[in-house]
Every structure is written in C-alpha cells, then in structure tokens.
Protein backbone atom coordinates (compact mmCIF):
# COMPACT_ATOMS: atom_id res chain seq x y z
CA UNK A 1 -4.35 93.97 73.75
CA UNK A 2 -7.35 95.69 72.22
CA UNK A 3 -10.64 93.91 72.68
CA UNK A 4 -12.70 93.59 69.50
CA UNK A 5 -15.69 95.88 69.39
CA UNK A 6 -19.00 94.15 69.74
CA UNK A 7 -21.00 94.30 66.53
CA UNK A 8 -24.46 95.70 67.09
CA UNK A 9 -27.25 95.61 64.55
CA UNK A 10 -30.48 97.53 64.61
CA UNK A 11 -33.42 96.27 62.58
CA UNK A 12 -36.72 98.01 61.98
CA UNK A 13 -38.59 94.77 62.60
CA UNK A 14 -37.43 94.92 66.23
CA UNK A 15 -39.65 97.94 66.80
CA UNK A 16 -42.61 97.05 64.59
CA UNK A 17 -44.90 95.83 67.40
CA UNK A 18 -44.55 98.74 69.80
CA UNK A 19 -44.41 101.24 66.94
CA UNK A 20 -47.66 99.94 65.49
CA UNK A 21 -49.41 100.04 68.88
CA UNK A 22 -48.16 103.54 69.73
CA UNK A 23 -49.01 105.03 66.35
CA UNK A 24 -52.41 103.35 66.22
CA UNK A 25 -53.32 104.53 69.71
CA UNK A 26 -52.16 108.11 69.22
CA UNK A 27 -53.71 108.32 65.76
CA UNK A 28 -57.06 107.05 67.06
CA UNK A 29 -56.88 109.47 69.96
CA UNK A 30 -56.39 112.48 67.70
CA UNK A 31 -58.87 111.49 65.00
CA UNK A 32 -61.74 110.30 67.20
CA UNK A 33 -61.48 113.12 69.75
CA UNK A 34 -60.97 115.83 67.15
CA UNK A 35 -63.88 114.52 65.09
CA UNK A 36 -66.09 114.38 68.18
CA UNK A 37 -65.20 117.92 69.23
CA UNK A 38 -65.60 119.26 65.70
CA UNK A 39 -69.03 117.65 65.39
CA UNK A 40 -70.23 119.11 68.69
CA UNK A 41 -68.68 122.52 67.96
CA UNK A 42 -70.28 122.61 64.51
CA UNK A 43 -73.69 122.36 66.17
CA UNK A 44 -72.89 125.68 67.94
CA UNK A 45 -72.88 124.01 71.35
CA UNK A 46 -71.51 125.92 74.31
CA UNK A 47 -67.84 125.82 75.21
CA UNK A 48 -68.65 123.81 78.32
CA UNK A 49 -70.52 121.20 76.27
CA UNK A 50 -67.66 120.95 73.81
CA UNK A 51 -65.11 120.40 76.58
CA UNK A 52 -67.32 117.85 78.34
CA UNK A 53 -67.70 115.93 75.08
CA UNK A 54 -63.94 116.05 74.47
CA UNK A 55 -63.01 114.86 77.95
CA UNK A 56 -65.66 112.13 77.84
CA UNK A 57 -64.35 111.03 74.45
CA UNK A 58 -60.80 110.88 75.78
CA UNK A 59 -61.74 108.79 78.82
CA UNK A 60 -64.11 106.48 76.95
CA UNK A 61 -61.64 106.03 74.10
CA UNK A 62 -58.72 105.27 76.41
CA UNK A 63 -60.70 102.62 78.29
CA UNK A 64 -62.05 101.20 75.03
CA UNK A 65 -58.55 100.91 73.56
CA UNK A 66 -57.24 99.33 76.76
CA UNK A 67 -60.09 96.83 76.96
CA UNK A 68 -59.88 95.93 73.28
CA UNK A 69 -56.12 95.46 73.39
CA UNK A 70 -56.30 93.47 76.63
CA UNK A 71 -58.92 91.10 75.24
CA UNK A 72 -57.11 90.69 71.94
CA UNK A 73 -53.68 90.07 73.45
CA UNK A 74 -55.17 87.83 76.16
CA UNK A 75 -56.59 85.61 73.42
CA UNK A 76 -53.14 85.47 71.86
CA UNK A 77 -51.61 84.63 75.24
CA UNK A 78 -54.17 81.86 75.79
CA UNK A 79 -53.30 80.35 72.42
CA UNK A 80 -49.58 80.53 73.15
CA UNK A 81 -50.02 78.92 76.56
CA UNK A 82 -52.17 76.15 75.10
CA UNK A 83 -49.59 75.43 72.41
CA UNK A 84 -46.78 75.40 74.96
CA UNK A 85 -48.73 73.03 77.21
CA UNK A 86 -49.29 70.67 74.26
CA UNK A 87 -45.63 70.82 73.36
CA UNK A 88 -44.61 70.14 76.96
CA UNK A 89 -46.78 67.00 77.04
CA UNK A 90 -45.37 65.78 73.73
CA UNK A 91 -41.81 66.27 74.97
CA UNK A 92 -42.61 64.17 78.03
CA UNK A 93 -44.40 61.40 76.15
CA UNK A 94 -42.40 61.26 72.89
CA UNK A 95 -38.99 62.89 73.37
CA UNK A 96 -37.31 61.04 70.48
CA UNK A 97 -40.09 61.92 68.06
CA UNK A 98 -39.86 65.55 69.10
CA UNK A 99 -36.10 65.46 68.62
CA UNK A 100 -36.55 64.18 65.06
CA UNK A 101 -39.17 66.84 64.44
CA UNK A 102 -36.79 69.57 65.57
CA UNK A 103 -33.99 68.21 63.40
CA UNK A 104 -36.39 68.13 60.45
CA UNK A 105 -37.10 71.82 60.92
CA UNK A 106 -33.39 72.61 60.70
CA UNK A 107 -32.99 70.43 57.62
CA UNK A 108 -35.76 72.38 55.90
CA UNK A 109 -33.88 75.57 56.76
CA UNK A 110 -30.81 74.35 54.94
CA UNK A 111 -28.68 72.40 57.43
CA UNK A 112 -27.17 69.05 56.53
CA UNK A 113 -28.99 66.15 58.24
CA UNK A 114 -26.03 65.28 60.46
CA UNK A 115 -25.50 68.87 61.56
CA UNK A 116 -29.25 69.37 62.02
CA UNK A 117 -29.36 66.34 64.33
CA UNK A 118 -26.42 67.71 66.36
CA UNK A 119 -28.02 71.14 66.68
CA UNK A 120 -31.34 69.60 67.70
CA UNK A 121 -29.63 67.43 70.35
CA UNK A 122 -27.67 70.33 71.85
CA UNK A 123 -30.66 72.69 71.95
CA UNK A 124 -32.85 69.97 73.43
CA UNK A 125 -30.27 69.29 76.12
CA UNK A 126 -30.10 73.01 76.91
CA UNK A 127 -33.86 73.75 76.93
CA UNK A 128 -36.10 71.49 74.89
CA UNK A 129 -39.30 73.48 75.39
CA UNK A 130 -37.64 76.78 74.48
CA UNK A 131 -36.19 75.25 71.31
CA UNK A 132 -39.56 73.94 70.17
CA UNK A 133 -41.34 77.12 71.18
CA UNK A 134 -38.97 79.23 69.11
CA UNK A 135 -38.37 77.04 66.07
CA UNK A 136 -41.61 75.05 65.81
CA UNK A 137 -44.21 77.42 67.24
CA UNK A 138 -42.54 80.77 66.54
CA UNK A 139 -42.87 81.91 70.17
CA UNK A 140 -39.96 83.87 71.65
CA UNK A 141 -39.65 85.66 75.02
CA UNK A 142 -39.24 89.02 73.28
CA UNK A 143 -42.53 88.73 71.42
CA UNK A 144 -44.66 86.87 73.98
CA UNK A 145 -48.14 88.29 74.44
CA UNK A 146 -48.38 90.63 77.45
CA UNK A 147 -52.04 91.70 77.84
CA UNK A 148 -51.69 94.21 80.66
CA UNK A 149 -48.65 95.88 79.13
CA UNK A 150 -50.47 96.16 75.80
CA UNK A 151 -53.59 97.57 77.46
CA UNK A 152 -51.71 100.24 79.41
CA UNK A 153 -49.61 101.22 76.38
CA UNK A 154 -52.70 101.57 74.17
CA UNK A 155 -54.54 103.65 76.76
CA UNK A 156 -51.52 105.92 77.24
CA UNK A 157 -51.01 106.37 73.50
CA UNK A 158 -54.70 107.16 72.94
CA UNK A 159 -54.78 109.63 75.82
CA UNK A 160 -51.66 111.40 74.55
CA UNK A 161 -53.16 111.78 71.10
CA UNK A 162 -56.61 112.82 72.36
CA UNK A 163 -55.16 115.53 74.60
CA UNK A 164 -53.92 117.49 71.57
CA UNK A 165 -57.30 118.40 69.98
CA UNK A 166 -58.72 118.83 73.48
CA UNK A 167 -56.05 121.41 74.25
CA UNK A 168 -56.77 123.15 70.93
CA UNK A 169 -60.47 123.31 71.77
CA UNK A 170 -59.66 124.88 75.13
CA UNK A 171 -57.33 127.53 73.67
CA UNK A 172 -59.14 128.51 70.47
CA UNK A 173 -61.87 131.18 70.42
CA UNK A 174 -65.42 130.19 69.47
CA UNK A 175 -65.30 131.82 66.05
CA UNK A 176 -62.30 129.79 64.89
CA UNK A 177 -62.75 126.62 66.93
CA UNK A 178 -63.97 124.20 64.24
CA UNK A 179 -61.42 125.19 61.60
CA UNK A 180 -58.65 125.60 64.17
CA UNK A 181 -59.18 122.13 65.66
CA UNK A 182 -59.26 120.54 62.20
CA UNK A 183 -56.09 122.29 61.02
CA UNK A 184 -54.11 121.71 64.23
CA UNK A 185 -55.20 118.07 64.42
CA UNK A 186 -54.23 117.46 60.80
CA UNK A 187 -50.82 118.98 61.49
CA UNK A 188 -50.37 116.68 64.49
CA UNK A 189 -51.48 113.69 62.41
CA UNK A 190 -49.19 114.58 59.52
CA UNK A 191 -46.21 114.74 61.87
CA UNK A 192 -47.21 111.46 63.51
CA UNK A 193 -47.68 109.74 60.16
CA UNK A 194 -44.36 111.03 58.84
CA UNK A 195 -42.42 110.01 61.96
CA UNK A 196 -44.00 106.55 61.99
CA UNK A 197 -43.27 106.05 58.29
CA UNK A 198 -39.65 107.13 58.67
CA UNK A 199 -39.17 104.89 61.70
CA UNK A 200 -40.49 102.00 59.64
CA UNK A 201 -38.26 102.82 56.68
CA UNK A 202 -41.06 104.13 54.43
CA UNK A 203 -41.66 107.50 52.77
CA UNK A 204 -42.48 110.23 55.31
CA UNK A 205 -44.56 112.09 52.72
CA UNK A 206 -46.64 109.03 51.90
CA UNK A 207 -47.14 108.24 55.59
CA UNK A 208 -48.30 111.80 56.30
CA UNK A 209 -50.55 111.98 53.22
CA UNK A 210 -52.52 108.81 53.92
CA UNK A 211 -53.27 109.64 57.54
CA UNK A 212 -54.25 113.22 56.67
CA UNK A 213 -56.60 112.06 53.90
CA UNK A 214 -58.65 109.68 56.05
CA UNK A 215 -58.62 111.98 59.06
CA UNK A 216 -59.89 114.90 56.97
CA UNK A 217 -62.81 112.79 55.76
CA UNK A 218 -63.66 111.78 59.35
CA UNK A 219 -63.67 115.37 60.62
CA UNK A 220 -65.63 116.71 57.64
CA UNK A 221 -68.25 114.01 58.19
CA UNK A 222 -68.75 114.86 61.87
CA UNK A 223 -68.73 118.60 61.12
CA UNK A 224 -71.51 118.04 58.58
CA UNK A 225 -73.53 115.99 61.07
CA UNK A 226 -73.07 118.68 63.73
CA UNK A 227 -74.19 121.41 61.34
CA UNK A 228 -77.32 119.41 60.52
CA UNK A 229 -78.26 119.30 64.21
CA UNK A 230 -77.70 123.05 64.51
CA UNK A 231 -79.74 123.72 61.38
CA UNK A 232 -82.50 121.42 62.64
CA UNK A 233 -82.70 123.15 66.00
CA UNK A 234 -82.93 126.54 64.31
CA UNK A 235 -85.79 125.40 62.12
CA UNK A 236 -87.99 124.38 65.07
C-alpha cells in the first residue's frame, strides 16, 4: 500500500522576519562602511588611515546593530512576557470567562457558535495558555522575540556587508579607490536588493534600483564632504 505523500507548502511570509533582518544588516554594512571609506579616501588620506577608518566603521557598526537589535527585541520580549503573565492570571482567576472569550474569537473568524465552543474547550484542555497566546495575543513559538539571536544575526549580517567595501579598499590602487569602491559597492547592493526582492516575491529590478539610488546619494554626500576637507587643508 502506497502511503500518501505529505503536502508541503512554502510561504514567503515564513521568511519575512529573518530576510528583513539579514538584508537590513548587510545593506547597512555596505552603505555605511563604503560611504565612510569613500569620504576618508576623497580627502586624500593615506591608505593606512582609510583602512583604519573602514575597520573601525565595521566594528562600531556591528556592535551598534547588535545593541540596537538587542534592545528593540528585548522590549518586544518584555511586552510578550507581560501579556502572557496577565493571561496566565486571568486563566487562573476566571477560566470560564476566558473560555467564552476564546470561543468568541473563533465565532468572529467564521465558526458556528456550537463548533466554536467545542474548539475552545478542546484547545483549552490541551494547553489553555498556548491557545490564548496564539489566538488572542498573536504570540506563537515560531515568532517569539529572541533578543540574543537577533543581536548576533544583525551583527553578523552587518559585518558580512561591511567586509565587501573594506576588501575593495584594500585591493584597489589609490588612483581608482574612490570610484572603484563606489562602483563595486553599488554592484554588491544591486545584487543584494535584487535577491531580497525576488525572495519576497517582488520585482528584482525594482528592488535593485531603490537600494542603488539611496546608496549612491549616501556615497556622493560623503565623497563631497571628504573633498571639502582636502580642499580646506590645501588652502591653509
């Protein structure tokens, strides 16, 4: 007897959280580090100064991303824990009221009152807190806030992105460093934007275009600032 094949579904929403964090971290790493290096290089600083600035930008940015993500996700975790604690107390003090509340949620979703009551009773008997967390509060184990995981992932993504313009700065000769870093970084960003857009089901061209536009403006701005410092030092 042939066993029926298990039906598997893959949805883009399943990957939206980690995709957003990875793309944001890598994008920030490329843009901020490339812009920093371009600005310093445009001032005609020495190669050693450019590399020091790039490495410092990578380390500072990675720690900044990790700290920001940890604080943000910790706040989310605190809110979730507070809501779960409140729900736990209400289940202990007013179990019947909570059962009616759960059934009411299912009625609003389209179930008949009798069936909604049966579903609420069975889920409550299985795990009352989990049922209320999922259907009343919108908290599921898959999407629970994990501060340390988020912090490490953001730092890793930023560092990966920042290493690309840093490598370009190391390999390119002085005469072509500014333009070379800008072009290579924009290529990296275009690929990243296109891949992220395709993974999310959007247009790869649109995803690449929007990240390239804003990144170009950032690098042009820092290059202009760097050239002003070089021009100022020459005028003294």
